[in-house]
């Protein structure tokens, strides 16, 4: 009986913590993740833009960075070549 009360109390505390997180810092975290992803895409475009036909750096530097970029190369290509809608530019809520 006492164990059930402790488990319920722990679940209530976790739920309240998640609600408080959602009310306070969730939007900030989301915006920071978007900014980080945008910077990652821009860096990869500058370094490996020749894969899309946009040469920026000499191939020597590109070859030195290949081991760090290879794991994310496929997702980067998909994100750069995906179709974007005009409404993607507006990420604000209405209301």
Protein backbone atom coordinates (compact mmCIF):
# COMPACT_ATOMS: atom_id res chain seq x y z
CA UNK A 1 0.00 0.00 0.00
CA UNK A 2 2.77 2.41 0.93
CA UNK A 3 4.71 1.44 -2.18
CA UNK A 4 1.71 2.32 -4.39
CA UNK A 5 1.47 5.74 -2.76
CA UNK A 6 5.17 6.39 -3.36
CA UNK A 7 4.87 5.33 -7.00
CA UNK A 8 1.86 7.59 -7.52
CA UNK A 9 3.60 10.50 -5.81
CA UNK A 10 6.64 10.02 -8.05
CA UNK A 11 4.43 9.97 -11.16
CA UNK A 12 2.66 13.15 -10.04
CA UNK A 13 5.98 14.90 -9.44
CA UNK A 14 7.27 13.81 -12.87
CA UNK A 15 4.06 15.03 -14.52
CA UNK A 16 4.22 18.39 -12.75
CA UNK A 17 7.88 18.76 -13.72
CA UNK A 18 7.04 18.08 -17.38
CA UNK A 19 4.16 20.55 -17.31
CA UNK A 20 6.37 23.23 -15.79
CA UNK A 21 9.07 22.52 -18.40
CA UNK A 22 6.51 22.80 -21.19
CA UNK A 23 5.19 26.08 -19.84
CA UNK A 24 8.55 27.74 -19.34
CA UNK A 25 11.48 26.65 -21.50
CA UNK A 26 10.14 24.29 -24.18
CA UNK A 27 9.84 27.02 -26.81
CA UNK A 28 13.36 28.25 -26.11
CA UNK A 29 14.80 24.76 -26.45
CA UNK A 30 12.91 24.24 -29.69
CA UNK A 31 14.16 27.52 -31.17
CA UNK A 32 17.74 26.75 -30.12
CA UNK A 33 17.54 23.32 -31.77
CA UNK A 34 16.27 24.92 -34.98
CA UNK A 35 19.09 27.46 -34.95
CA UNK A 36 21.67 24.72 -34.35
CA UNK A 37 20.28 22.61 -37.19
CA UNK A 38 20.31 25.62 -39.50
CA UNK A 39 23.96 26.32 -38.65
CA UNK A 40 24.86 22.67 -39.23
CA UNK A 41 23.19 22.73 -42.64
CA UNK A 42 24.94 25.98 -43.55
CA UNK A 43 28.34 24.62 -42.48
CA UNK A 44 27.82 21.45 -44.49
CA UNK A 45 26.69 23.50 -47.49
CA UNK A 46 29.84 25.61 -47.31
CA UNK A 47 32.10 22.58 -46.94
CA UNK A 48 30.36 20.13 -49.27
CA UNK A 49 28.43 22.49 -51.52
CA UNK A 50 30.13 20.99 -54.56
CA UNK A 51 27.88 17.93 -54.13
CA UNK A 52 24.98 20.21 -55.00
CA UNK A 53 26.93 22.20 -57.58
CA UNK A 54 27.95 25.12 -55.35
CA UNK A 55 31.75 25.10 -54.89
CA UNK A 56 33.01 27.12 -51.92
CA UNK A 57 36.17 25.54 -50.52
CA UNK A 58 39.11 23.87 -52.22
CA UNK A 59 38.89 20.06 -52.25
CA UNK A 60 41.84 19.66 -49.84
CA UNK A 61 39.88 21.01 -46.87
CA UNK A 62 36.81 19.09 -47.90
CA UNK A 63 38.76 15.83 -47.90
CA UNK A 64 40.11 16.51 -44.42
CA UNK A 65 36.59 17.02 -43.05
CA UNK A 66 35.00 13.96 -44.69
CA UNK A 67 35.34 11.64 -41.65
CA UNK A 68 33.34 14.08 -39.53
CA UNK A 69 30.59 14.74 -42.05
CA UNK A 70 29.93 11.30 -43.58
CA UNK A 71 27.47 10.14 -40.87
CA UNK A 72 25.18 13.12 -41.51
CA UNK A 73 25.64 13.48 -45.28
CA UNK A 74 22.47 11.65 -46.39
CA UNK A 75 20.17 13.58 -44.04
CA UNK A 76 21.85 16.84 -45.06
CA UNK A 77 21.24 16.14 -48.75
CA UNK A 78 17.60 15.36 -48.04
CA UNK A 79 17.11 18.50 -45.95
CA UNK A 80 18.75 20.73 -48.56
CA UNK A 81 16.91 19.28 -51.55
CA UNK A 82 13.45 18.93 -50.02
CA UNK A 83 10.72 21.15 -51.33
CA UNK A 84 9.88 24.05 -49.07
CA UNK A 85 6.62 25.89 -48.83
CA UNK A 86 6.30 29.63 -48.40
CA UNK A 87 4.71 29.02 -45.00
CA UNK A 88 7.90 27.30 -43.76
CA UNK A 89 9.38 30.76 -43.35
CA UNK A 90 6.75 31.67 -40.78
CA UNK A 91 7.09 29.57 -37.66
CA UNK A 92 5.09 31.83 -35.38
CA UNK A 93 1.81 30.82 -33.85
CA UNK A 94 -1.29 32.77 -34.70
CA UNK A 95 -3.24 34.01 -31.76
